[in-house]
């Protein structure tokens, strides 16, 4: 069976994964595999930028490339 090695996992994510694995009585690797399987089961995948732009929230600014670039520059994901 093929293997995957993930390096430079942020400490906070590692702690959360470890806690989740313990709560589910799984190994760290098995918990990561379960989460990957769940994430990949959605055939639609993550929403596209066009789908996100189509969602209108009352009072929200329209989502533009400039707004996304500014958010990235200020450290917002």
PDB file of N, CA and C in Angstrom:
ATOM      1  N   UNK A   1       0.857  -1.171   0.000  1.00  0.00           N
ATOM      2  CA  UNK A   1       0.000   0.000   0.000  1.00  0.00           C
ATOM      3  C   UNK A   1       0.901   1.232   0.000  1.00  0.00           C
ATOM      4  N   UNK A   2       0.588   2.233  -0.820  1.00  0.00           N
ATOM      5  CA  UNK A   2       1.404   3.445  -0.865  1.00  0.00           C
ATOM      6  C   UNK A   2       1.336   4.209   0.455  1.00  0.00           C
ATOM      7  N   UNK A   3       2.385   4.938   0.748  1.00  0.00           N
ATOM      8  CA  UNK A   3       2.435   5.730   1.962  1.00  0.00           C
ATOM      9  C   UNK A   3       2.532   7.216   1.636  1.00  0.00           C
ATOM     10  N   UNK A   4       2.202   8.020   2.612  1.00  0.00           N
ATOM     11  CA  UNK A   4       2.283   9.471   2.475  1.00  0.00           C
ATOM     12  C   UNK A   4       2.984  10.012   3.712  1.00  0.00           C
ATOM     13  N   UNK A   5       3.925  10.913   3.492  1.00  0.00           N
ATOM     14  CA  UNK A   5       4.626  11.564   4.582  1.00  0.00           C
ATOM     15  C   UNK A   5       4.287  13.042   4.534  1.00  0.00           C
ATOM     16  N   UNK A   6       3.819  13.582   5.630  1.00  0.00           N
ATOM     17  CA  UNK A   6       3.490  15.008   5.698  1.00  0.00           C
ATOM     18  C   UNK A   6       4.478  15.661   6.645  1.00  0.00           C
ATOM     19  N   UNK A   7       5.229  16.609   6.116  1.00  0.00           N
ATOM     20  CA  UNK A   7       6.239  17.299   6.921  1.00  0.00           C
ATOM     21  C   UNK A   7       5.767  18.679   7.314  1.00  0.00           C
ATOM     22  N   UNK A   8       6.418  19.216   8.326  1.00  0.00           N
ATOM     23  CA  UNK A   8       6.179  20.590   8.783  1.00  0.00           C
ATOM     24  C   UNK A   8       4.713  20.854   9.143  1.00  0.00           C
ATOM     25  N   UNK A   9       4.111  19.900   9.834  1.00  0.00           N
ATOM     26  CA  UNK A   9       2.738  20.083  10.299  1.00  0.00           C
ATOM     27  C   UNK A   9       2.775  21.093  11.450  1.00  0.00           C
ATOM     28  N   UNK A  10       1.985  22.157  11.345  1.00  0.00           N
ATOM     29  CA  UNK A  10       1.967  23.129  12.444  1.00  0.00           C
ATOM     30  C   UNK A  10       1.601  22.451  13.769  1.00  0.00           C
ATOM     31  N   UNK A  11       2.221  22.911  14.835  1.00  0.00           N
ATOM     32  CA  UNK A  11       2.034  22.291  16.146  1.00  0.00           C
ATOM     33  C   UNK A  11       0.567  22.261  16.569  1.00  0.00           C
ATOM     34  N   UNK A  12      -0.158  23.324  16.296  1.00  0.00           N
ATOM     35  CA  UNK A  12      -1.564  23.391  16.693  1.00  0.00           C
ATOM     36  C   UNK A  12      -2.395  22.325  15.976  1.00  0.00           C
ATOM     37  N   UNK A  13      -2.133  22.124  14.699  1.00  0.00           N
ATOM     38  CA  UNK A  13      -2.856  21.091  13.946  1.00  0.00           C
ATOM     39  C   UNK A  13      -2.487  19.711  14.472  1.00  0.00           C
ATOM     40  N   UNK A  14      -1.212  19.496  14.771  1.00  0.00           N
ATOM     41  CA  UNK A  14      -0.772  18.210  15.309  1.00  0.00           C
ATOM     42  C   UNK A  14      -1.471  17.914  16.633  1.00  0.00           C
ATOM     43  N   UNK A  15      -1.562  18.922  17.495  1.00  0.00           N
ATOM     44  CA  UNK A  15      -2.235  18.726  18.796  1.00  0.00           C
ATOM     45  C   UNK A  15      -3.703  18.356  18.599  1.00  0.00           C
ATOM     46  N   UNK A  16      -4.375  19.068  17.693  1.00  0.00           N
ATOM     47  CA  UNK A  16      -5.794  18.794  17.445  1.00  0.00           C
ATOM     48  C   UNK A  16      -5.994  17.399  16.869  1.00  0.00           C
ATOM     49  N   UNK A  17      -5.126  17.026  15.929  1.00  0.00           N
ATOM     50  CA  UNK A  17      -5.228  15.698  15.328  1.00  0.00           C
ATOM     51  C   UNK A  17      -4.969  14.613  16.362  1.00  0.00           C
ATOM     52  N   UNK A  18      -3.981  14.831  17.208  1.00  0.00           N
ATOM     53  CA  UNK A  18      -3.651  13.860  18.246  1.00  0.00           C
ATOM     54  C   UNK A  18      -4.811  13.707  19.237  1.00  0.00           C
ATOM     55  N   UNK A  19      -5.411  14.830  19.640  1.00  0.00           N
ATOM     56  CA  UNK A  19      -6.546  14.782  20.567  1.00  0.00           C
ATOM     57  C   UNK A  19      -7.742  14.084  19.926  1.00  0.00           C
ATOM     58  N   UNK A  20      -7.971  14.382  18.662  1.00  0.00           N
ATOM     59  CA  UNK A  20      -9.093  13.761  17.951  1.00  0.00           C
ATOM     60  C   UNK A  20      -8.875  12.257  17.810  1.00  0.00           C
ATOM     61  N   UNK A  21      -7.627  11.868  17.511  1.00  0.00           N
ATOM     62  CA  UNK A  21      -7.302  10.446  17.395  1.00  0.00           C
ATOM     63  C   UNK A  21      -7.537   9.737  18.719  1.00  0.00           C
ATOM     64  N   UNK A  22      -7.122  10.345  19.809  1.00  0.00           N
ATOM     65  CA  UNK A  22      -7.316   9.735  21.129  1.00  0.00           C
ATOM     66  C   UNK A  22      -8.805   9.610  21.445  1.00  0.00           C
ATOM     67  N   UNK A  23      -9.565  10.650  21.135  1.00  0.00           N
ATOM     68  CA  UNK A  23     -11.004  10.625  21.412  1.00  0.00           C
ATOM     69  C   UNK A  23     -11.709   9.540  20.607  1.00  0.00           C
ATOM     70  N   UNK A  24     -11.200   9.260  19.418  1.00  0.00           N
ATOM     71  CA  UNK A  24     -11.799   8.247  18.558  1.00  0.00           C
ATOM     72  C   UNK A  24     -11.118   6.886  18.674  1.00  0.00           C
ATOM     73  N   UNK A  25     -10.168   6.789  19.610  1.00  0.00           N
ATOM     74  CA  UNK A  25      -9.425   5.558  19.865  1.00  0.00           C
ATOM     75  C   UNK A  25      -8.752   5.030  18.602  1.00  0.00           C
ATOM     76  N   UNK A  26      -8.083   5.975  17.898  1.00  0.00           N
ATOM     77  CA  UNK A  26      -7.353   5.634  16.682  1.00  0.00           C
ATOM     78  C   UNK A  26      -5.918   6.107  16.807  1.00  0.00           C
ATOM     79  N   UNK A  27      -5.076   5.552  15.968  1.00  0.00           N
ATOM     80  CA  UNK A  27      -3.711   6.059  15.883  1.00  0.00           C
ATOM     81  C   UNK A  27      -3.744   7.394  15.143  1.00  0.00           C
ATOM     82  N   UNK A  28      -2.669   8.133  15.262  1.00  0.00           N
ATOM     83  CA  UNK A  28      -2.566   9.416  14.580  1.00  0.00           C
ATOM     84  C   UNK A  28      -2.690   9.229  13.065  1.00  0.00           C
ATOM     85  N   UNK A  29      -2.012   8.225  12.534  1.00  0.00           N
ATOM     86  CA  UNK A  29      -2.072   7.961  11.092  1.00  0.00           C
ATOM     87  C   UNK A  29      -3.458   7.548  10.628  1.00  0.00           C
ATOM     88  N   UNK A  30      -4.117   6.694  11.410  1.00  0.00           N
ATOM     89  CA  UNK A  30      -5.465   6.247  11.049  1.00  0.00           C
ATOM     90  C   UNK A  30      -6.444   7.418  11.081  1.00  0.00           C
ATOM     91  N   UNK A  31      -6.311   8.297  12.075  1.00  0.00           N
ATOM     92  CA  UNK A  31      -7.202   9.460  12.164  1.00  0.00           C
ATOM     93  C   UNK A  31      -6.996  10.378  10.958  1.00  0.00           C
ATOM     94  N   UNK A  32      -5.743  10.591  10.574  1.00  0.00           N
ATOM     95  CA  UNK A  32      -5.456  11.420   9.402  1.00  0.00           C
ATOM     96  C   UNK A  32      -6.073  10.792   8.150  1.00  0.00           C
ATOM     97  N   UNK A  33      -5.970   9.471   8.023  1.00  0.00           N
ATOM     98  CA  UNK A  33      -6.539   8.782   6.875  1.00  0.00           C
ATOM     99  C   UNK A  33      -8.059   8.913   6.842  1.00  0.00           C
ATOM    100  N   UNK A  34      -8.701   8.772   7.993  1.00  0.00           N
ATOM    101  CA  UNK A  34     -10.163   8.925   8.071  1.00  0.00           C
ATOM    102  C   UNK A  34     -10.566  10.330   7.627  1.00  0.00           C
ATOM    103  N   UNK A  35      -9.846  11.333   8.097  1.00  0.00           N
ATOM    104  CA  UNK A  35     -10.170  12.712   7.728  1.00  0.00           C
ATOM    105  C   UNK A  35      -9.964  12.954   6.233  1.00  0.00           C
ATOM    106  N   UNK A  36      -8.901  12.399   5.675  1.00  0.00           N
ATOM    107  CA  UNK A  36      -8.677  12.530   4.230  1.00  0.00           C
ATOM    108  C   UNK A  36      -9.785  11.853   3.437  1.00  0.00           C
ATOM    109  N   UNK A  37     -10.180  10.660   3.868  1.00  0.00           N
ATOM    110  CA  UNK A  37     -11.259   9.949   3.181  1.00  0.00           C
ATOM    111  C   UNK A  37     -12.549  10.759   3.209  1.00  0.00           C
ATOM    112  N   UNK A  38     -12.873  11.341   4.358  1.00  0.00           N
ATOM    113  CA  UNK A  38     -14.085  12.145   4.478  1.00  0.00           C
ATOM    114  C   UNK A  38     -14.016  13.376   3.573  1.00  0.00           C
ATOM    115  N   UNK A  39     -12.864  14.015   3.543  1.00  0.00           N
ATOM    116  CA  UNK A  39     -12.702  15.226   2.729  1.00  0.00           C
ATOM    117  C   UNK A  39     -12.815  14.915   1.239  1.00  0.00           C
ATOM    118  N   UNK A  40     -12.366  13.742   0.839  1.00  0.00           N
ATOM    119  CA  UNK A  40     -12.362  13.398  -0.578  1.00  0.00           C
ATOM    120  C   UNK A  40     -13.648  12.743  -1.056  1.00  0.00           C
ATOM    121  N   UNK A  41     -14.576  12.466  -0.159  1.00  0.00           N
ATOM    122  CA  UNK A  41     -15.833  11.834  -0.556  1.00  0.00           C
ATOM    123  C   UNK A  41     -16.782  12.807  -1.238  1.00  0.00           C
ATOM    124  N   UNK A  42     -16.621  14.096  -1.031  1.00  0.00           N
ATOM    125  CA  UNK A  42     -17.493  15.083  -1.658  1.00  0.00           C
ATOM    126  C   UNK A  42     -17.029  15.273  -3.103  1.00  0.00           C
ATOM    127  N   UNK A  43     -17.778  14.724  -4.079  1.00  0.00           N
ATOM    128  CA  UNK A  43     -17.333  14.807  -5.470  1.00  0.00           C
ATOM    129  C   UNK A  43     -17.298  16.236  -6.003  1.00  0.00           C
ATOM    130  N   UNK A  44     -18.063  17.122  -5.388  1.00  0.00           N
ATOM    131  CA  UNK A  44     -18.094  18.497  -5.857  1.00  0.00           C
ATOM    132  C   UNK A  44     -16.818  19.237  -5.476  1.00  0.00           C
ATOM    133  N   UNK A  45     -16.178  18.800  -4.401  1.00  0.00           N
ATOM    134  CA  UNK A  45     -14.972  19.481  -3.950  1.00  0.00           C
ATOM    135  C   UNK A  45     -15.313  20.821  -3.326  1.00  0.00           C
ATOM    136  N   UNK A  46     -14.297  21.623  -3.066  1.00  0.00           N
ATOM    137  CA  UNK A  46     -14.557  22.926  -2.455  1.00  0.00           C
ATOM    138  C   UNK A  46     -15.260  23.848  -3.447  1.00  0.00           C
ATOM    139  N   UNK A  47     -15.969  24.851  -2.945  1.00  0.00           N
ATOM    140  CA  UNK A  47     -16.672  25.759  -3.854  1.00  0.00           C
ATOM    141  C   UNK A  47     -15.681  26.566  -4.682  1.00  0.00           C
ATOM    142  N   UNK A  48     -16.099  26.889  -5.894  1.00  0.00           N
ATOM    143  CA  UNK A  48     -15.271  27.724  -6.756  1.00  0.00           C
ATOM    144  C   UNK A  48     -15.436  29.184  -6.344  1.00  0.00           C
ATOM    145  N   UNK A  49     -14.541  30.021  -6.815  1.00  0.00           N
ATOM    146  CA  UNK A  49     -14.634  31.451  -6.514  1.00  0.00           C
ATOM    147  C   UNK A  49     -15.947  32.017  -7.043  1.00  0.00           C
ATOM    148  N   UNK A  50     -16.391  31.537  -8.184  1.00  0.00           N
ATOM    149  CA  UNK A  50     -17.659  32.018  -8.751  1.00  0.00           C
ATOM    150  C   UNK A  50     -18.844  31.636  -7.860  1.00  0.00           C
ATOM    151  N   UNK A  51     -18.807  30.431  -7.296  1.00  0.00           N
ATOM    152  CA  UNK A  51     -19.880  30.011  -6.390  1.00  0.00           C
ATOM    153  C   UNK A  51     -19.877  30.856  -5.127  1.00  0.00           C
ATOM    154  N   UNK A  52     -18.695  31.156  -4.630  1.00  0.00           N
ATOM    155  CA  UNK A  52     -18.606  31.990  -3.430  1.00  0.00           C
ATOM    156  C   UNK A  52     -19.118  33.387  -3.719  1.00  0.00           C
ATOM    157  N   UNK A  53     -18.746  33.926  -4.873  1.00  0.00           N
ATOM    158  CA  UNK A  53     -19.188  35.274  -5.245  1.00  0.00           C
ATOM    159  C   UNK A  53     -20.701  35.337  -5.408  1.00  0.00           C
ATOM    160  N   UNK A  54     -21.318  34.213  -5.801  1.00  0.00           N
ATOM    161  CA  UNK A  54     -22.760  34.186  -6.023  1.00  0.00           C
ATOM    162  C   UNK A  54     -23.542  34.285  -4.717  1.00  0.00           C
ATOM    163  N   UNK A  55     -22.910  33.957  -3.606  1.00  0.00           N
ATOM    164  CA  UNK A  55     -23.590  34.035  -2.311  1.00  0.00           C
ATOM    165  C   UNK A  55     -23.595  35.485  -1.859  1.00  0.00           C
ATOM    166  N   UNK A  56     -24.764  36.010  -1.628  1.00  0.00           N
ATOM    167  CA  UNK A  56     -24.893  37.410  -1.210  1.00  0.00           C
ATOM    168  C   UNK A  56     -25.262  37.470   0.266  1.00  0.00           C
ATOM    169  N   UNK A  57     -24.478  38.212   1.009  1.00  0.00           N
ATOM    170  CA  UNK A  57     -24.755  38.419   2.421  1.00  0.00           C
ATOM    171  C   UNK A  57     -25.111  39.880   2.591  1.00  0.00           C
ATOM    172  N   UNK A  58     -26.205  40.133   3.259  1.00  0.00           N
ATOM    173  CA  UNK A  58     -26.675  41.505   3.429  1.00  0.00           C
ATOM    174  C   UNK A  58     -25.601  42.360   4.087  1.00  0.00           C
ATOM    175  N   UNK A  59     -25.255  43.458   3.437  1.00  0.00           N
ATOM    176  CA  UNK A  59     -24.274  44.390   3.979  1.00  0.00           C
ATOM    177  C   UNK A  59     -22.831  44.023   3.713  1.00  0.00           C
ATOM    178  N   UNK A  60     -22.582  42.873   3.079  1.00  0.00           N
ATOM    179  CA  UNK A  60     -21.206  42.447   2.821  1.00  0.00           C
ATOM    180  C   UNK A  60     -20.680  43.095   1.547  1.00  0.00           C
ATOM    181  N   UNK A  61     -19.378  43.345   1.535  1.00  0.00           N
ATOM    182  CA  UNK A  61     -18.746  43.872   0.334  1.00  0.00           C
ATOM    183  C   UNK A  61     -18.698  42.775  -0.719  1.00  0.00           C
ATOM    184  N   UNK A  62     -18.784  43.150  -2.004  1.00  0.00           N
ATOM    185  CA  UNK A  62     -18.619  42.132  -3.037  1.00  0.00           C
ATOM    186  C   UNK A  62     -17.203  41.568  -3.003  1.00  0.00           C
ATOM    187  N   UNK A  63     -17.082  40.292  -3.256  1.00  0.00           N
ATOM    188  CA  UNK A  63     -15.780  39.635  -3.231  1.00  0.00           C
ATOM    189  C   UNK A  63     -15.050  39.930  -4.535  1.00  0.00           C
ATOM    190  N   UNK A  64     -13.952  40.640  -4.429  1.00  0.00           N
ATOM    191  CA  UNK A  64     -13.160  40.991  -5.601  1.00  0.00           C
ATOM    192  C   UNK A  64     -11.746  40.463  -5.423  1.00  0.00           C
ATOM    193  N   UNK A  65     -11.000  40.424  -6.512  1.00  0.00           N
ATOM    194  CA  UNK A  65      -9.614  39.978  -6.435  1.00  0.00           C
ATOM    195  C   UNK A  65      -8.804  40.923  -5.557  1.00  0.00           C
ATOM    196  N   UNK A  66      -9.088  42.224  -5.630  1.00  0.00           N
ATOM    197  CA  UNK A  66      -8.379  43.197  -4.794  1.00  0.00           C
ATOM    198  C   UNK A  66      -8.613  42.921  -3.310  1.00  0.00           C
ATOM    199  N   UNK A  67      -9.846  42.582  -2.946  1.00  0.00           N
ATOM    200  CA  UNK A  67     -10.174  42.281  -1.558  1.00  0.00           C
ATOM    201  C   UNK A  67      -9.442  41.015  -1.102  1.00  0.00           C
ATOM    202  N   UNK A  68      -9.383  40.005  -1.959  1.00  0.00           N
ATOM    203  CA  UNK A  68      -8.667  38.771  -1.625  1.00  0.00           C
ATOM    204  C   UNK A  68      -7.167  39.038  -1.467  1.00  0.00           C
ATOM    205  N   UNK A  69      -6.601  39.828  -2.385  1.00  0.00           N
ATOM    206  CA  UNK A  69      -5.171  40.153  -2.305  1.00  0.00           C
ATOM    207  C   UNK A  69      -4.851  40.909  -1.021  1.00  0.00           C
ATOM    208  N   UNK A  70      -5.701  41.844  -0.658  1.00  0.00           N
ATOM    209  CA  UNK A  70      -5.487  42.613   0.573  1.00  0.00           C
ATOM    210  C   UNK A  70      -5.567  41.709   1.802  1.00  0.00           C
ATOM    211  N   UNK A  71      -6.511  40.781   1.809  1.00  0.00           N
ATOM    212  CA  UNK A  71      -6.641  39.849   2.926  1.00  0.00           C
ATOM    213  C   UNK A  71      -5.383  38.984   3.047  1.00  0.00           C
ATOM    214  N   UNK A  72      -4.845  38.555   1.923  1.00  0.00           N
ATOM    215  CA  UNK A  72      -3.623  37.747   1.954  1.00  0.00           C
ATOM    216  C   UNK A  72      -2.444  38.545   2.482  1.00  0.00           C
ATOM    217  N   UNK A  73      -2.339  39.812   2.076  1.00  0.00           N
ATOM    218  CA  UNK A  73      -1.238  40.668   2.523  1.00  0.00           C
ATOM    219  C   UNK A  73      -1.298  40.922   4.026  1.00  0.00           C
ATOM    220  N   UNK A  74      -2.490  41.006   4.566  1.00  0.00           N
ATOM    221  CA  UNK A  74      -2.621  41.283   6.002  1.00  0.00           C
ATOM    222  C   UNK A  74      -2.613  40.017   6.840  1.00  0.00           C
ATOM    223  N   UNK A  75      -2.392  38.865   6.179  1.00  0.00           N
ATOM    224  CA  UNK A  75      -2.261  37.617   6.919  1.00  0.00           C
ATOM    225  C   UNK A  75      -3.551  36.880   7.176  1.00  0.00           C
ATOM    226  N   UNK A  76      -4.632  37.302   6.553  1.00  0.00           N
ATOM    227  CA  UNK A  76      -5.906  36.603   6.724  1.00  0.00           C
ATOM    228  C   UNK A  76      -6.008  35.508   5.686  1.00  0.00           C
ATOM    229  N   UNK A  77      -6.400  34.287   6.090  1.00  0.00           N
ATOM    230  CA  UNK A  77      -6.511  33.170   5.131  1.00  0.00           C
ATOM    231  C   UNK A  77      -7.637  33.365   4.147  1.00  0.00           C
TER     232      UNK A  77
END
